[in-house]
Amino acid sequence: MASYVEFEHFIEYVAQGKHNLSLPGGGGDSLKIALVAAANTPNAATFEDYADLTVVDQTNLQSDALTITGSSQTDGTFALTVDTFSVVADGGNLPEFRYICVYNSTPVADGDKGLICYFDYGSSLQLNDGESLAMDWDTDGLFTLGVCPGA
């Protein structure tokens, strides 16, 4: 199972209005994934933008686009749901990768494509042509944002 890691600047960018995570068709931003090799670990504390990543060659990646399917708020916690997504090698093998990064592919106010989170698989994976890796983000949500009630 992959470990979820949130880029620290994501919350700051949400507070500054740099992300519009409403549903598609409602003016919301587009989300994509990027595959990163084990040798290029993303830095959650300092990385802000897609350009900070060292992405593997994604030529044989069938699709990198995520589909936002809904959002909800319960007791001060917001959850964004994304349609189940599969990383699929199509037309050839994908290079080894360890991290699947999620980013906002719509340039934010300052032109950046803001990083949201990544999933660390703990070791390198490689998908041969026709193989896939499914991610189920439509049940519990891609991420949640909560309000701290204080002490």
Protein backbone atom coordinates (compact mmCIF):
# COMPACT_ATOMS: atom_id res chain seq x y z
CA MET A 1 0.00 0.00 0.00
CA ALA A 2 1.23 3.47 -0.83
CA SER A 3 1.84 6.14 1.80
CA TYR A 4 0.12 9.51 1.28
CA VAL A 5 2.28 12.65 1.60
CA GLU A 6 0.92 16.17 1.19
CA PHE A 7 3.09 18.97 -0.21
CA GLU A 8 3.22 21.61 2.55
CA HIS A 9 2.64 24.53 0.18
CA PHE A 10 -0.67 23.02 -0.95
CA ILE A 11 -2.60 24.24 2.12
CA GLU A 12 -1.03 27.70 1.76
CA TYR A 13 -2.06 27.82 -1.91
CA VAL A 14 -5.62 26.76 -1.06
CA ALA A 15 -5.83 29.58 1.52
CA GLN A 16 -4.50 32.06 -1.05
CA GLY A 17 -7.10 30.99 -3.62
CA LYS A 18 -4.54 29.58 -6.07
CA HIS A 19 -6.48 26.32 -6.42
CA ASN A 20 -10.08 26.08 -7.63
CA LEU A 21 -11.02 22.50 -6.85
CA SER A 22 -14.69 22.72 -7.81
CA LEU A 23 -16.22 20.17 -10.11
CA PRO A 24 -15.32 20.12 -13.82
CA GLY A 25 -17.67 22.25 -15.88
CA GLY A 26 -17.97 24.61 -12.93
CA GLY A 27 -14.70 26.39 -13.69
CA GLY A 28 -12.55 24.06 -11.64
CA ASP A 29 -8.88 23.40 -12.26
CA SER A 30 -7.60 20.21 -13.90
CA LEU A 31 -5.60 17.64 -11.96
CA LYS A 32 -2.92 15.33 -13.38
CA ILE A 33 -0.39 12.79 -12.17
CA ALA A 34 3.36 12.65 -12.67
CA LEU A 35 5.53 9.56 -12.17
CA VAL A 36 8.82 10.07 -10.32
CA ALA A 37 11.70 7.61 -9.90
CA ALA A 38 13.06 6.50 -6.52
CA ALA A 39 16.29 8.48 -7.08
CA ASN A 40 14.32 11.75 -7.26
CA THR A 41 12.31 11.77 -4.04
CA PRO A 42 9.87 14.70 -3.94
CA ASN A 43 10.51 17.09 -1.04
CA ALA A 44 7.17 17.78 0.65
CA ALA A 45 8.60 20.73 2.60
CA THR A 46 10.17 22.68 -0.26
CA PHE A 47 8.62 21.57 -3.57
CA GLU A 48 5.79 23.83 -4.74
CA ASP A 49 5.44 23.41 -8.47
CA TYR A 50 5.42 20.70 -11.14
CA ALA A 51 8.73 22.12 -12.42
CA ASP A 52 10.35 21.06 -9.10
CA LEU A 53 9.79 17.38 -9.98
CA THR A 54 12.10 15.16 -12.00
CA VAL A 55 9.50 13.15 -13.89
CA VAL A 56 10.23 9.86 -15.70
CA ASP A 57 9.46 9.60 -19.42
CA GLN A 58 5.67 9.29 -19.60
CA THR A 59 5.46 8.64 -23.36
CA ASN A 60 3.84 5.23 -22.78
CA LEU A 61 1.50 6.43 -20.03
CA GLN A 62 -2.03 5.99 -21.36
CA SER A 63 -3.38 9.04 -19.51
CA ASP A 64 -2.25 11.42 -16.79
CA ALA A 65 -5.56 13.26 -16.33
CA LEU A 66 -7.67 12.78 -13.21
CA THR A 67 -11.42 13.36 -13.16
CA ILE A 68 -12.86 15.19 -10.16
CA THR A 69 -16.20 13.53 -9.40
CA GLY A 70 -17.34 15.27 -6.26
CA SER A 71 -16.63 17.02 -3.05
CA SER A 72 -18.24 17.06 0.34
CA GLN A 73 -17.96 18.76 3.70
CA THR A 74 -18.86 17.09 6.96
CA ASP A 75 -18.27 18.62 10.38
CA GLY A 76 -15.64 21.02 9.02
CA THR A 77 -13.75 18.48 6.92
CA PHE A 78 -13.70 18.87 3.13
CA ALA A 79 -13.07 15.81 0.94
CA LEU A 80 -12.33 15.86 -2.79
CA THR A 81 -13.22 12.69 -4.66
CA VAL A 82 -11.61 11.66 -7.91
CA ASP A 83 -12.75 8.90 -10.25
CA THR A 84 -10.88 5.61 -9.87
CA PHE A 85 -7.69 6.00 -11.89
CA SER A 86 -5.31 3.48 -13.39
CA VAL A 87 -1.72 4.07 -14.42
CA VAL A 88 -1.57 2.08 -17.66
CA ALA A 89 1.47 1.30 -19.80
CA ASP A 90 0.24 1.69 -23.37
CA GLY A 91 2.46 1.25 -26.42
CA GLY A 92 5.52 0.17 -24.45
CA ASN A 93 6.89 -0.19 -20.94
CA LEU A 94 6.93 2.63 -18.42
CA PRO A 95 10.26 3.43 -16.77
CA GLU A 96 10.63 2.49 -13.11
CA PHE A 97 8.89 4.86 -10.71
CA ARG A 98 8.27 4.95 -6.98
CA TYR A 99 6.14 8.07 -6.52
CA ILE A 100 2.87 9.15 -8.09
CA CYS A 101 2.52 12.91 -7.69
CA VAL A 102 -0.76 14.78 -8.07
CA TYR A 103 -0.65 18.36 -9.28
CA ASN A 104 -2.91 21.12 -10.51
CA SER A 105 -2.23 21.30 -14.25
CA THR A 106 -4.05 24.61 -14.58
CA PRO A 107 -1.52 27.39 -14.02
CA VAL A 108 -2.28 29.25 -10.81
CA ALA A 109 -2.04 33.03 -10.41
CA ASP A 110 1.75 33.16 -10.63
CA GLY A 111 1.98 30.67 -13.51
CA ASP A 112 2.91 27.66 -11.40
CA LYS A 113 1.28 24.25 -11.62
CA GLY A 114 0.90 23.66 -7.90
CA LEU A 115 1.74 20.32 -6.32
CA ILE A 116 -0.91 18.74 -4.11
CA CYS A 117 0.32 15.37 -2.82
CA TYR A 118 2.19 12.23 -3.69
CA PHE A 119 1.92 8.54 -3.01
CA ASP A 120 5.10 6.69 -2.00
CA TYR A 121 5.05 3.01 -2.95
CA GLY A 122 8.13 2.25 -0.82
CA SER A 123 10.08 0.72 -3.69
CA SER A 124 10.32 1.03 -7.45
CA LEU A 125 7.56 -0.25 -9.69
CA GLN A 126 7.67 -0.90 -13.41
CA LEU A 127 4.70 -1.50 -15.65
CA ASN A 128 5.21 -3.44 -18.85
CA ASP A 129 3.11 -2.71 -21.92
CA GLY A 130 -0.55 -3.45 -21.12
CA GLU A 131 -0.06 -3.63 -17.33
CA SER A 132 -1.84 -1.28 -14.97
CA LEU A 133 -1.87 -0.02 -11.39
CA ALA A 134 -5.29 1.04 -10.06
CA MET A 135 -5.84 3.80 -7.53
CA ASP A 136 -9.23 4.02 -5.84
CA TRP A 137 -9.72 7.65 -4.88
CA ASP A 138 -13.50 7.75 -5.32
CA THR A 139 -14.40 6.21 -1.97
CA ASP A 140 -12.51 8.09 0.75
CA GLY A 141 -11.37 10.94 -1.46
CA LEU A 142 -8.03 11.98 -2.91
CA PHE A 143 -7.47 14.17 0.15
CA THR A 144 -9.28 15.84 3.01
CA LEU A 145 -8.87 19.29 4.50
CA GLY A 146 -9.98 19.83 8.08
CA VAL A 147 -10.45 22.67 10.46
CA CYS A 148 -8.48 22.58 13.68
CA PRO A 149 -10.88 23.30 16.52
CA GLY A 150 -8.11 24.58 18.81
CA ALA A 151 -7.19 23.48 22.29
